[in-house]
Amino acid sequence: MSKRLGLSAAILLATCACQSKTSDFEIINGSRNSVFNLTVSDNEKLWRLGNLKPGQSAHFRDNLHGEGGVDISWTIAGHRFKDKGCYHTSGAPAKGQLVITGNSLRFHCL
């Protein structure tokens, strides 16, 4: 019986691993200016993605917590901006592409 229990546990763990809740999106600097201090936040954790020259992109891949749109913050020409990104829930990770267009984001979420 313990072999069956062990096999059942292994199948359950394998199934859970396939249903990843990892959010995966790209943030592109679509402006003519460099972007500084690019961050992503889900109100529990803050990820620092660094700086982007015009046309450069940063790839975000991690687990977001809670529900709602992830906050994206950046600085251009000494001004700090913040906007919402792709919507996420604990059961549906955010996926897509976000483009910084100066003081706002344009996004395509899957």
PDB file of N, CA and C in Angstrom:
ATOM      1  N   MET A   1       0.817  -1.177   0.000  1.00  0.00           N
ATOM      2  CA  MET A   1       0.000   0.000   0.000  1.00  0.00           C
ATOM      3  C   MET A   1       0.872   1.255   0.000  1.00  0.00           C
ATOM      4  N   SER A   2       2.017   1.232   0.690  1.00  0.00           N
ATOM      5  CA  SER A   2       2.881   2.404   0.739  1.00  0.00           C
ATOM      6  C   SER A   2       3.461   2.706  -0.642  1.00  0.00           C
ATOM      7  N   LYS A   3       3.667   1.669  -1.485  1.00  0.00           N
ATOM      8  CA  LYS A   3       4.157   1.902  -2.844  1.00  0.00           C
ATOM      9  C   LYS A   3       3.112   2.658  -3.653  1.00  0.00           C
ATOM     10  N   ARG A   4       1.841   2.279  -3.482  1.00  0.00           N
ATOM     11  CA  ARG A   4       0.763   2.976  -4.192  1.00  0.00           C
ATOM     12  C   ARG A   4       0.665   4.425  -3.734  1.00  0.00           C
ATOM     13  N   LEU A   5       0.783   4.635  -2.439  1.00  0.00           N
ATOM     14  CA  LEU A   5       0.722   5.988  -1.902  1.00  0.00           C
ATOM     15  C   LEU A   5       1.880   6.827  -2.441  1.00  0.00           C
ATOM     16  N   GLY A   6       3.066   6.243  -2.485  1.00  0.00           N
ATOM     17  CA  GLY A   6       4.239   6.938  -3.017  1.00  0.00           C
ATOM     18  C   GLY A   6       4.071   7.265  -4.486  1.00  0.00           C
ATOM     19  N   LEU A   7       3.531   6.337  -5.280  1.00  0.00           N
ATOM     20  CA  LEU A   7       3.296   6.555  -6.704  1.00  0.00           C
ATOM     21  C   LEU A   7       2.247   7.645  -6.900  1.00  0.00           C
ATOM     22  N   SER A   8       1.195   7.622  -6.105  1.00  0.00           N
ATOM     23  CA  SER A   8       0.143   8.644  -6.199  1.00  0.00           C
ATOM     24  C   SER A   8       0.706  10.022  -5.879  1.00  0.00           C
ATOM     25  N   ALA A   9       1.546  10.109  -4.860  1.00  0.00           N
ATOM     26  CA  ALA A   9       2.148  11.388  -4.489  1.00  0.00           C
ATOM     27  C   ALA A   9       3.051  11.901  -5.608  1.00  0.00           C
ATOM     28  N   ALA A  10       3.813  11.009  -6.242  1.00  0.00           N
ATOM     29  CA  ALA A  10       4.707  11.397  -7.330  1.00  0.00           C
ATOM     30  C   ALA A  10       3.903  11.911  -8.526  1.00  0.00           C
ATOM     31  N   ILE A  11       2.798  11.267  -8.845  1.00  0.00           N
ATOM     32  CA  ILE A  11       1.952  11.703  -9.958  1.00  0.00           C
ATOM     33  C   ILE A  11       1.347  13.069  -9.636  1.00  0.00           C
ATOM     34  N   LEU A  12       0.881  13.254  -8.409  1.00  0.00           N
ATOM     35  CA  LEU A  12       0.305  14.527  -8.000  1.00  0.00           C
ATOM     36  C   LEU A  12       1.331  15.651  -8.096  1.00  0.00           C
ATOM     37  N   LEU A  13       2.540  15.425  -7.633  1.00  0.00           N
ATOM     38  CA  LEU A  13       3.589  16.439  -7.703  1.00  0.00           C
ATOM     39  C   LEU A  13       3.942  16.766  -9.144  1.00  0.00           C
ATOM     40  N   ALA A  14       4.011  15.765  -9.997  1.00  0.00           N
ATOM     41  CA  ALA A  14       4.325  15.992 -11.409  1.00  0.00           C
ATOM     42  C   ALA A  14       3.229  16.802 -12.076  1.00  0.00           C
ATOM     43  N   THR A  15       1.987  16.521 -11.742  1.00  0.00           N
ATOM     44  CA  THR A  15       0.855  17.251 -12.313  1.00  0.00           C
ATOM     45  C   THR A  15       0.890  18.709 -11.863  1.00  0.00           C
ATOM     46  N   CYS A  16       1.170  18.952 -10.607  1.00  0.00           N
ATOM     47  CA  CYS A  16       1.223  20.320 -10.094  1.00  0.00           C
ATOM     48  C   CYS A  16       2.351  21.100 -10.746  1.00  0.00           C
ATOM     49  N   ALA A  17       3.472  20.472 -10.998  1.00  0.00           N
ATOM     50  CA  ALA A  17       4.609  21.151 -11.604  1.00  0.00           C
ATOM     51  C   ALA A  17       4.297  21.590 -13.025  1.00  0.00           C
ATOM     52  N   CYS A  18       3.418  20.854 -13.716  1.00  0.00           N
ATOM     53  CA  CYS A  18       3.070  21.206 -15.086  1.00  0.00           C
ATOM     54  C   CYS A  18       2.147  22.423 -15.134  1.00  0.00           C
ATOM     55  N   GLN A  19       1.457  22.711 -14.082  1.00  0.00           N
ATOM     56  CA  GLN A  19       0.513  23.810 -14.047  1.00  0.00           C
ATOM     57  C   GLN A  19       1.158  25.018 -13.372  1.00  0.00           C
ATOM     58  N   SER A  20       2.223  25.491 -13.956  1.00  0.00           N
ATOM     59  CA  SER A  20       2.989  26.589 -13.390  1.00  0.00           C
ATOM     60  C   SER A  20       2.164  27.873 -13.374  1.00  0.00           C
ATOM     61  N   LYS A  21       2.341  28.663 -12.323  1.00  0.00           N
ATOM     62  CA  LYS A  21       1.667  29.948 -12.208  1.00  0.00           C
ATOM     63  C   LYS A  21       2.668  31.076 -12.416  1.00  0.00           C
ATOM     64  N   THR A  22       3.685  30.813 -13.198  1.00  0.00           N
ATOM     65  CA  THR A  22       4.725  31.791 -13.454  1.00  0.00           C
ATOM     66  C   THR A  22       4.267  32.782 -14.511  1.00  0.00           C
ATOM     67  N   SER A  23       4.308  34.066 -14.174  1.00  0.00           N
ATOM     68  CA  SER A  23       3.994  35.114 -15.137  1.00  0.00           C
ATOM     69  C   SER A  23       5.211  35.326 -16.031  1.00  0.00           C
ATOM     70  N   ASP A  24       4.952  35.655 -17.271  1.00  0.00           N
ATOM     71  CA  ASP A  24       6.024  35.749 -18.256  1.00  0.00           C
ATOM     72  C   ASP A  24       5.675  36.866 -19.238  1.00  0.00           C
ATOM     73  N   PHE A  25       6.381  37.983 -19.160  1.00  0.00           N
ATOM     74  CA  PHE A  25       6.137  39.049 -20.112  1.00  0.00           C
ATOM     75  C   PHE A  25       7.397  39.846 -20.381  1.00  0.00           C
ATOM     76  N   GLU A  26       7.374  40.557 -21.483  1.00  0.00           N
ATOM     77  CA  GLU A  26       8.492  41.371 -21.924  1.00  0.00           C
ATOM     78  C   GLU A  26       8.090  42.838 -21.789  1.00  0.00           C
ATOM     79  N   ILE A  27       9.014  43.657 -21.300  1.00  0.00           N
ATOM     80  CA  ILE A  27       8.792  45.098 -21.199  1.00  0.00           C
ATOM     81  C   ILE A  27       9.791  45.766 -22.136  1.00  0.00           C
ATOM     82  N   ILE A  28       9.268  46.526 -23.100  1.00  0.00           N
ATOM     83  CA  ILE A  28      10.095  47.151 -24.135  1.00  0.00           C
ATOM     84  C   ILE A  28      10.103  48.661 -23.946  1.00  0.00           C
ATOM     85  N   ASN A  29      11.279  49.273 -24.070  1.00  0.00           N
ATOM     86  CA  ASN A  29      11.354  50.726 -24.054  1.00  0.00           C
ATOM     87  C   ASN A  29      11.056  51.218 -25.468  1.00  0.00           C
ATOM     88  N   GLY A  30       9.827  51.665 -25.693  1.00  0.00           N
ATOM     89  CA  GLY A  30       9.406  52.179 -26.990  1.00  0.00           C
ATOM     90  C   GLY A  30       9.515  53.690 -27.090  1.00  0.00           C
ATOM     91  N   SER A  31      10.159  54.308 -26.127  1.00  0.00           N
ATOM     92  CA  SER A  31      10.316  55.769 -26.153  1.00  0.00           C
ATOM     93  C   SER A  31      11.661  56.151 -26.762  1.00  0.00           C
ATOM     94  N   ARG A  32      11.855  57.439 -26.967  1.00  0.00           N
ATOM     95  CA  ARG A  32      13.119  57.939 -27.529  1.00  0.00           C
ATOM     96  C   ARG A  32      14.167  58.179 -26.462  1.00  0.00           C
ATOM     97  N   ASN A  33      13.769  58.064 -25.193  1.00  0.00           N
ATOM     98  CA  ASN A  33      14.681  58.311 -24.070  1.00  0.00           C
ATOM     99  C   ASN A  33      15.002  57.022 -23.333  1.00  0.00           C
ATOM    100  N   SER A  34      16.111  57.021 -22.624  1.00  0.00           N
ATOM    101  CA  SER A  34      16.459  55.872 -21.793  1.00  0.00           C
ATOM    102  C   SER A  34      15.510  55.789 -20.604  1.00  0.00           C
ATOM    103  N   VAL A  35      15.216  54.576 -20.196  1.00  0.00           N
ATOM    104  CA  VAL A  35      14.377  54.295 -19.034  1.00  0.00           C
ATOM    105  C   VAL A  35      15.312  53.858 -17.911  1.00  0.00           C
ATOM    106  N   PHE A  36      15.099  54.428 -16.718  1.00  0.00           N
ATOM    107  CA  PHE A  36      15.913  54.090 -15.566  1.00  0.00           C
ATOM    108  C   PHE A  36      15.041  53.505 -14.467  1.00  0.00           C
ATOM    109  N   ASN A  37      15.646  52.679 -13.632  1.00  0.00           N
ATOM    110  CA  ASN A  37      14.983  52.126 -12.441  1.00  0.00           C
ATOM    111  C   ASN A  37      13.651  51.443 -12.756  1.00  0.00           C
ATOM    112  N   LEU A  38      13.645  50.594 -13.757  1.00  0.00           N
ATOM    113  CA  LEU A  38      12.443  49.843 -14.125  1.00  0.00           C
ATOM    114  C   LEU A  38      12.160  48.800 -13.048  1.00  0.00           C
ATOM    115  N   THR A  39      10.942  48.819 -12.515  1.00  0.00           N
ATOM    116  CA  THR A  39      10.560  47.861 -11.481  1.00  0.00           C
ATOM    117  C   THR A  39       9.204  47.249 -11.795  1.00  0.00           C
ATOM    118  N   VAL A  40       8.982  46.068 -11.237  1.00  0.00           N
ATOM    119  CA  VAL A  40       7.696  45.365 -11.289  1.00  0.00           C
ATOM    120  C   VAL A  40       7.329  45.047  -9.851  1.00  0.00           C
ATOM    121  N   SER A  41       6.048  45.262  -9.489  1.00  0.00           N
ATOM    122  CA  SER A  41       5.599  44.990  -8.137  1.00  0.00           C
ATOM    123  C   SER A  41       4.212  44.372  -8.152  1.00  0.00           C
ATOM    124  N   ASP A  42       4.019  43.393  -7.269  1.00  0.00           N
ATOM    125  CA  ASP A  42       2.686  42.791  -7.111  1.00  0.00           C
ATOM    126  C   ASP A  42       2.105  43.145  -5.743  1.00  0.00           C
ATOM    127  N   ASN A  43       2.610  44.196  -5.123  1.00  0.00           N
ATOM    128  CA  ASN A  43       2.227  44.676  -3.789  1.00  0.00           C
ATOM    129  C   ASN A  43       2.729  43.790  -2.657  1.00  0.00           C
ATOM    130  N   GLU A  44       3.389  42.692  -2.965  1.00  0.00           N
ATOM    131  CA  GLU A  44       4.046  41.866  -1.950  1.00  0.00           C
ATOM    132  C   GLU A  44       5.549  41.829  -2.169  1.00  0.00           C
ATOM    133  N   LYS A  45       5.946  41.919  -3.430  1.00  0.00           N
ATOM    134  CA  LYS A  45       7.347  41.787  -3.788  1.00  0.00           C
ATOM    135  C   LYS A  45       7.687  42.817  -4.864  1.00  0.00           C
ATOM    136  N   LEU A  46       8.930  43.281  -4.857  1.00  0.00           N
ATOM    137  CA  LEU A  46       9.406  44.244  -5.838  1.00  0.00           C
ATOM    138  C   LEU A  46      10.579  43.632  -6.596  1.00  0.00           C
ATOM    139  N   TRP A  47      10.501  43.657  -7.913  1.00  0.00           N
ATOM    140  CA  TRP A  47      11.585  43.173  -8.767  1.00  0.00           C
ATOM    141  C   TRP A  47      12.207  44.381  -9.453  1.00  0.00           C
ATOM    142  N   ARG A  48      13.519  44.501  -9.385  1.00  0.00           N
ATOM    143  CA  ARG A  48      14.247  45.591 -10.040  1.00  0.00           C
ATOM    144  C   ARG A  48      14.839  45.055 -11.347  1.00  0.00           C
ATOM    145  N   LEU A  49      14.373  45.620 -12.469  1.00  0.00           N
ATOM    146  CA  LEU A  49      14.805  45.139 -13.777  1.00  0.00           C
ATOM    147  C   LEU A  49      15.885  46.008 -14.404  1.00  0.00           C
ATOM    148  N   GLY A  50      16.233  47.127 -13.758  1.00  0.00           N
ATOM    149  CA  GLY A  50      17.352  47.935 -14.230  1.00  0.00           C
ATOM    150  C   GLY A  50      16.964  49.037 -15.194  1.00  0.00           C
ATOM    151  N   ASN A  51      17.870  49.311 -16.133  1.00  0.00           N
ATOM    152  CA  ASN A  51      17.722  50.419 -17.080  1.00  0.00           C
ATOM    153  C   ASN A  51      17.602  49.879 -18.499  1.00  0.00           C
ATOM    154  N   LEU A  52      16.904  50.638 -19.353  1.00  0.00           N
ATOM    155  CA  LEU A  52      16.739  50.241 -20.756  1.00  0.00           C
ATOM    156  C   LEU A  52      17.024  51.423 -21.671  1.00  0.00           C
ATOM    157  N   LYS A  53      17.867  51.218 -22.658  1.00  0.00           N
ATOM    158  CA  LYS A  53      18.065  52.217 -23.701  1.00  0.00           C
ATOM    159  C   LYS A  53      16.868  52.137 -24.648  1.00  0.00           C
ATOM    160  N   PRO A  54      16.648  53.156 -25.482  1.00  0.00           N
ATOM    161  CA  PRO A  54      15.543  53.082 -26.442  1.00  0.00           C
ATOM    162  C   PRO A  54      15.636  51.806 -27.289  1.00  0.00           C
ATOM    163  N   GLY A  55      14.512  51.105 -27.397  1.00  0.00           N
ATOM    164  CA  GLY A  55      14.456  49.862 -28.179  1.00  0.00           C
ATOM    165  C   GLY A  55      14.843  48.614 -27.407  1.00  0.00           C
ATOM    166  N   GLN A  56      15.473  48.738 -26.257  1.00  0.00           N
ATOM    167  CA  GLN A  56      15.858  47.573 -25.459  1.00  0.00           C
ATOM    168  C   GLN A  56      14.655  47.026 -24.693  1.00  0.00           C
ATOM    169  N   SER A  57      14.779  45.770 -24.282  1.00  0.00           N
ATOM    170  CA  SER A  57      13.690  45.154 -23.525  1.00  0.00           C
ATOM    171  C   SER A  57      14.228  44.386 -22.327  1.00  0.00           C
ATOM    172  N   ALA A  58      13.332  44.163 -21.377  1.00  0.00           N
ATOM    173  CA  ALA A  58      13.627  43.358 -20.193  1.00  0.00           C
ATOM    174  C   ALA A  58      12.582  42.251 -20.133  1.00  0.00           C
ATOM    175  N   HIS A  59      13.005  41.081 -19.746  1.00  0.00           N
ATOM    176  CA  HIS A  59      12.110  39.933 -19.660  1.00  0.00           C
ATOM    177  C   HIS A  59      11.804  39.663 -18.193  1.00  0.00           C
ATOM    178  N   PHE A  60      10.515  39.595 -17.857  1.00  0.00           N
ATOM    179  CA  PHE A  60      10.091  39.277 -16.499  1.00  0.00           C
ATOM    180  C   PHE A  60       9.504  37.877 -16.494  1.00  0.00           C
ATOM    181  N   ARG A  61      10.009  37.038 -15.605  1.00  0.00           N
ATOM    182  CA  ARG A  61       9.483  35.681 -15.455  1.00  0.00           C
ATOM    183  C   ARG A  61       9.602  35.299 -13.990  1.00  0.00           C
ATOM    184  N   ASP A  62       8.478  35.302 -13.294  1.00  0.00           N
ATOM    185  CA  ASP A  62       8.468  34.971 -11.868  1.00  0.00           C
ATOM    186  C   ASP A  62       7.020  34.772 -11.440  1.00  0.00           C
ATOM    187  N   ASN A  63       6.826  34.369 -10.207  1.00  0.00           N
ATOM    188  CA  ASN A  63       5.491  34.162  -9.660  1.00  0.00           C
ATOM    189  C   ASN A  63       4.983  35.448  -9.032  1.00  0.00           C
ATOM    190  N   LEU A  64       3.807  35.893  -9.471  1.00  0.00           N
ATOM    191  CA  LEU A  64       3.160  37.058  -8.888  1.00  0.00           C
ATOM    192  C   LEU A  64       2.162  36.579  -7.854  1.00  0.00           C
ATOM    193  N   HIS A  65       1.951  37.364  -6.819  1.00  0.00           N
ATOM    194  CA  HIS A  65       1.042  37.000  -5.735  1.00  0.00           C
ATOM    195  C   HIS A  65      -0.211  37.858  -5.778  1.00  0.00           C
ATOM    196  N   GLY A  66      -1.304  37.319  -5.246  1.00  0.00           N
ATOM    197  CA  GLY A  66      -2.542  38.079  -5.161  1.00  0.00           C
ATOM    198  C   GLY A  66      -3.272  38.135  -6.484  1.00  0.00           C
ATOM    199  N   GLU A  67      -4.055  39.177  -6.667  1.00  0.00           N
ATOM    200  CA  GLU A  67      -4.816  39.367  -7.888  1.00  0.00           C
ATOM    201  C   GLU A  67      -4.737  40.818  -8.302  1.00  0.00           C
ATOM    202  N   GLY A  68      -4.869  41.066  -9.581  1.00  0.00           N
ATOM    203  CA  GLY A  68      -4.897  42.436 -10.097  1.00  0.00           C
ATOM    204  C   GLY A  68      -3.806  42.681 -11.101  1.00  0.00           C
ATOM    205  N   GLY A  69      -3.715  43.909 -11.528  1.00  0.00           N
ATOM    206  CA  GLY A  69      -2.682  44.283 -12.484  1.00  0.00           C
ATOM    207  C   GLY A  69      -1.378  44.553 -11.764  1.00  0.00           C
ATOM    208  N   VAL A  70      -0.327  44.019 -12.286  1.00  0.00           N
ATOM    209  CA  VAL A  70       0.997  44.241 -11.732  1.00  0.00           C
ATOM    210  C   VAL A  70       1.375  45.702 -11.955  1.00  0.00           C
ATOM    211  N   ASP A  71       2.073  46.320 -11.004  1.00  0.00           N
ATOM    212  CA  ASP A  71       2.518  47.706 -11.144  1.00  0.00           C
ATOM    213  C   ASP A  71       3.887  47.741 -11.809  1.00  0.00           C
ATOM    214  N   ILE A  72       3.994  48.542 -12.861  1.00  0.00           N
ATOM    215  CA  ILE A  72       5.261  48.764 -13.553  1.00  0.00           C
ATOM    216  C   ILE A  72       5.648  50.213 -13.291  1.00  0.00           C
ATOM    217  N   SER A  73       6.877  50.453 -12.827  1.00  0.00           N
ATOM    218  CA  SER A  73       7.356  51.813 -12.559  1.00  0.00           C
ATOM    219  C   SER A  73       8.665  52.033 -13.302  1.00  0.00           C
ATOM    220  N   TRP A  74       8.876  53.274 -13.734  1.00  0.00           N
ATOM    221  CA  TRP A  74      10.097  53.613 -14.446  1.00  0.00           C
ATOM    222  C   TRP A  74      10.326  55.117 -14.334  1.00  0.00           C
ATOM    223  N   THR A  75      11.570  55.521 -14.653  1.00  0.00           N
ATOM    224  CA  THR A  75      11.945  56.931 -14.639  1.00  0.00           C
ATOM    225  C   THR A  75      12.460  57.305 -16.026  1.00  0.00           C
ATOM    226  N   ILE A  76      11.934  58.432 -16.557  1.00  0.00           N
ATOM    227  CA  ILE A  76      12.416  59.005 -17.821  1.00  0.00           C
ATOM    228  C   ILE A  76      12.640  60.485 -17.589  1.00  0.00           C
ATOM    229  N   ALA A  77      13.814  60.966 -17.982  1.00  0.00           N
ATOM    230  CA  ALA A  77      14.160  62.390 -17.888  1.00  0.00           C
ATOM    231  C   ALA A  77      13.876  62.953 -16.496  1.00  0.00           C
ATOM    232  N   GLY A  78      14.192  62.168 -15.466  1.00  0.00           N
ATOM    233  CA  GLY A  78      14.048  62.619 -14.099  1.00  0.00           C
ATOM    234  C   GLY A  78      12.641  62.536 -13.530  1.00  0.00           C
ATOM    235  N   HIS A  79      11.668  62.056 -14.289  1.00  0.00           N
ATOM    236  CA  HIS A  79      10.287  61.940 -13.827  1.00  0.00           C
ATOM    237  C   HIS A  79       9.936  60.462 -13.636  1.00  0.00           C
ATOM    238  N   ARG A  80       9.319  60.159 -12.500  1.00  0.00           N
ATOM    239  CA  ARG A  80       8.927  58.781 -12.172  1.00  0.00           C
ATOM    240  C   ARG A  80       7.487  58.554 -12.622  1.00  0.00           C
ATOM    241  N   PHE A  81       7.261  57.416 -13.312  1.00  0.00           N
ATOM    242  CA  PHE A  81       5.936  57.050 -13.803  1.00  0.00           C
ATOM    243  C   PHE A  81       5.555  55.665 -13.301  1.00  0.00           C
ATOM    244  N   LYS A  82       4.261  55.416 -13.250  1.00  0.00           N
ATOM    245  CA  LYS A  82       3.756  54.125 -12.797  1.00  0.00           C
ATOM    246  C   LYS A  82       2.468  53.816 -13.570  1.00  0.00           C
ATOM    247  N   ASP A  83       2.323  52.552 -13.974  1.00  0.00           N
ATOM    248  CA  ASP A  83       1.116  52.140 -14.694  1.00  0.00           C
ATOM    249  C   ASP A  83       0.858  50.678 -14.379  1.00  0.00           C
ATOM    250  N   LYS A  84      -0.331  50.220 -14.661  1.00  0.00           N
ATOM    251  CA  LYS A  84      -0.698  48.815 -14.465  1.00  0.00           C
ATOM    252  C   LYS A  84      -0.309  48.014 -15.695  1.00  0.00           C
ATOM    253  N   GLY A  85       0.142  46.786 -15.462  1.00  0.00           N
ATOM    254  CA  GLY A  85       0.471  45.882 -16.544  1.00  0.00           C
ATOM    255  C   GLY A  85      -0.615  44.851 -16.739  1.00  0.00           C
ATOM    256  N   CYS A  86      -0.260  43.695 -17.228  1.00  0.00           N
ATOM    257  CA  CYS A  86      -1.215  42.620 -17.483  1.00  0.00           C
ATOM    258  C   CYS A  86      -1.867  42.156 -16.186  1.00  0.00           C
ATOM    259  N   TYR A  87      -3.135  41.857 -16.252  1.00  0.00           N
ATOM    260  CA  TYR A  87      -3.910  41.390 -15.109  1.00  0.00           C
ATOM    261  C   TYR A  87      -3.500  39.963 -14.756  1.00  0.00           C
ATOM    262  N   HIS A  88      -3.417  39.671 -13.470  1.00  0.00           N
ATOM    263  CA  HIS A  88      -3.090  38.315 -13.043  1.00  0.00           C
ATOM    264  C   HIS A  88      -3.966  37.915 -11.868  1.00  0.00           C
ATOM    265  N   THR A  89      -4.191  36.621 -11.744  1.00  0.00           N
ATOM    266  CA  THR A  89      -4.866  36.064 -10.574  1.00  0.00           C
ATOM    267  C   THR A  89      -4.014  34.918 -10.080  1.00  0.00           C
ATOM    268  N   SER A  90      -4.358  34.401  -8.932  1.00  0.00           N
ATOM    269  CA  SER A  90      -3.579  33.289  -8.388  1.00  0.00           C
ATOM    270  C   SER A  90      -3.709  32.050  -9.270  1.00  0.00           C
ATOM    271  N   GLY A  91      -4.710  31.991 -10.134  1.00  0.00           N
ATOM    272  CA  GLY A  91      -4.880  30.828 -11.003  1.00  0.00           C
ATOM    273  C   GLY A  91      -4.554  31.091 -12.459  1.00  0.00           C
ATOM    274  N   ALA A  92      -4.342  32.346 -12.837  1.00  0.00           N
ATOM    275  CA  ALA A  92      -4.056  32.683 -14.236  1.00  0.00           C
ATOM    276  C   ALA A  92      -2.910  33.679 -14.294  1.00  0.00           C
ATOM    277  N   PRO A  93      -1.710  33.222 -14.622  1.00  0.00           N
ATOM    278  CA  PRO A  93      -0.554  34.117 -14.633  1.00  0.00           C
ATOM    279  C   PRO A  93      -0.626  35.142 -15.766  1.00  0.00           C
ATOM    280  N   ALA A  94       0.000  36.286 -15.544  1.00  0.00           N
ATOM    281  CA  ALA A  94       0.072  37.333 -16.556  1.00  0.00           C
ATOM    282  C   ALA A  94       1.080  36.934 -17.625  1.00  0.00           C
ATOM    283  N   LYS A  95       0.696  37.126 -18.861  1.00  0.00           N
ATOM    284  CA  LYS A  95       1.589  36.867 -19.986  1.00  0.00           C
ATOM    285  C   LYS A  95       1.353  37.966 -21.011  1.00  0.00           C
ATOM    286  N   GLY A  96       2.405  38.388 -21.686  1.00  0.00           N
ATOM    287  CA  GLY A  96       2.215  39.395 -22.711  1.00  0.00           C
ATOM    288  C   GLY A  96       3.440  40.231 -22.967  1.00  0.00           C
ATOM    289  N   GLN A  97       3.176  41.375 -23.597  1.00  0.00           N
ATOM    290  CA  GLN A  97       4.227  42.301 -23.971  1.00  0.00           C
ATOM    291  C   GLN A  97       3.764  43.712 -23.594  1.00  0.00           C
ATOM    292  N   LEU A  98       4.621  44.468 -22.924  1.00  0.00           N
ATOM    293  CA  LEU A  98       4.319  45.830 -22.499  1.00  0.00           C
ATOM    294  C   LEU A  98       5.340  46.764 -23.134  1.00  0.00           C
ATOM    295  N   VAL A  99       4.869  47.883 -23.655  1.00  0.00           N
ATOM    296  CA  VAL A  99       5.760  48.849 -24.294  1.00  0.00           C
ATOM    297  C   VAL A  99       5.643  50.176 -23.556  1.00  0.00           C
ATOM    298  N   ILE A 100       6.763  50.672 -23.064  1.00  0.00           N
ATOM    299  CA  ILE A 100       6.799  51.985 -22.422  1.00  0.00           C
ATOM    300  C   ILE A 100       6.805  53.030 -23.529  1.00  0.00           C
ATOM    301  N   THR A 101       5.823  53.935 -23.496  1.00  0.00           N
ATOM    302  CA  THR A 101       5.688  54.950 -24.548  1.00  0.00           C
ATOM    303  C   THR A 101       5.919  56.354 -24.000  1.00  0.00           C
ATOM    304  N   GLY A 102       6.770  56.475 -23.018  1.00  0.00           N
ATOM    305  CA  GLY A 102       7.023  57.755 -22.362  1.00  0.00           C
ATOM    306  C   GLY A 102       6.457  57.718 -20.971  1.00  0.00           C
ATOM    307  N   ASN A 103       5.249  58.321 -20.790  1.00  0.00           N
ATOM    308  CA  ASN A 103       4.651  58.365 -19.458  1.00  0.00           C
ATOM    309  C   ASN A 103       3.550  57.311 -19.255  1.00  0.00           C
ATOM    310  N   SER A 104       3.378  56.384 -20.203  1.00  0.00           N
ATOM    311  CA  SER A 104       2.350  55.343 -20.051  1.00  0.00           C
ATOM    312  C   SER A 104       2.817  54.041 -20.695  1.00  0.00           C
ATOM    313  N   LEU A 105       2.002  52.997 -20.505  1.00  0.00           N
ATOM    314  CA  LEU A 105       2.283  51.685 -21.081  1.00  0.00           C
ATOM    315  C   LEU A 105       1.241  51.356 -22.139  1.00  0.00           C
ATOM    316  N   ARG A 106       1.694  50.691 -23.162  1.00  0.00           N
ATOM    317  CA  ARG A 106       0.797  50.078 -24.139  1.00  0.00           C
ATOM    318  C   ARG A 106       1.042  48.591 -23.986  1.00  0.00           C
ATOM    319  N   PHE A 107      -0.018  47.791 -23.833  1.00  0.00           N
ATOM    320  CA  PHE A 107       0.242  46.374 -23.598  1.00  0.00           C
ATOM    321  C   PHE A 107      -0.691  45.476 -24.364  1.00  0.00           C
ATOM    322  N   HIS A 108      -0.160  44.290 -24.626  1.00  0.00           N
ATOM    323  CA  HIS A 108      -0.898  43.199 -25.243  1.00  0.00           C
ATOM    324  C   HIS A 108      -0.757  42.011 -24.322  1.00  0.00           C
ATOM    325  N   CYS A 109      -1.848  41.647 -23.666  1.00  0.00           N
ATOM    326  CA  CYS A 109      -1.818  40.552 -22.699  1.00  0.00           C
ATOM    327  C   CYS A 109      -2.514  39.328 -23.277  1.00  0.00           C
ATOM    328  N   LEU A 110      -1.965  38.178 -22.998  1.00  0.00           N
ATOM    329  CA  LEU A 110      -2.548  36.924 -23.494  1.00  0.00           C
ATOM    330  C   LEU A 110      -3.452  36.313 -22.447  1.00  0.00           C
TER     331      LEU A 110
END
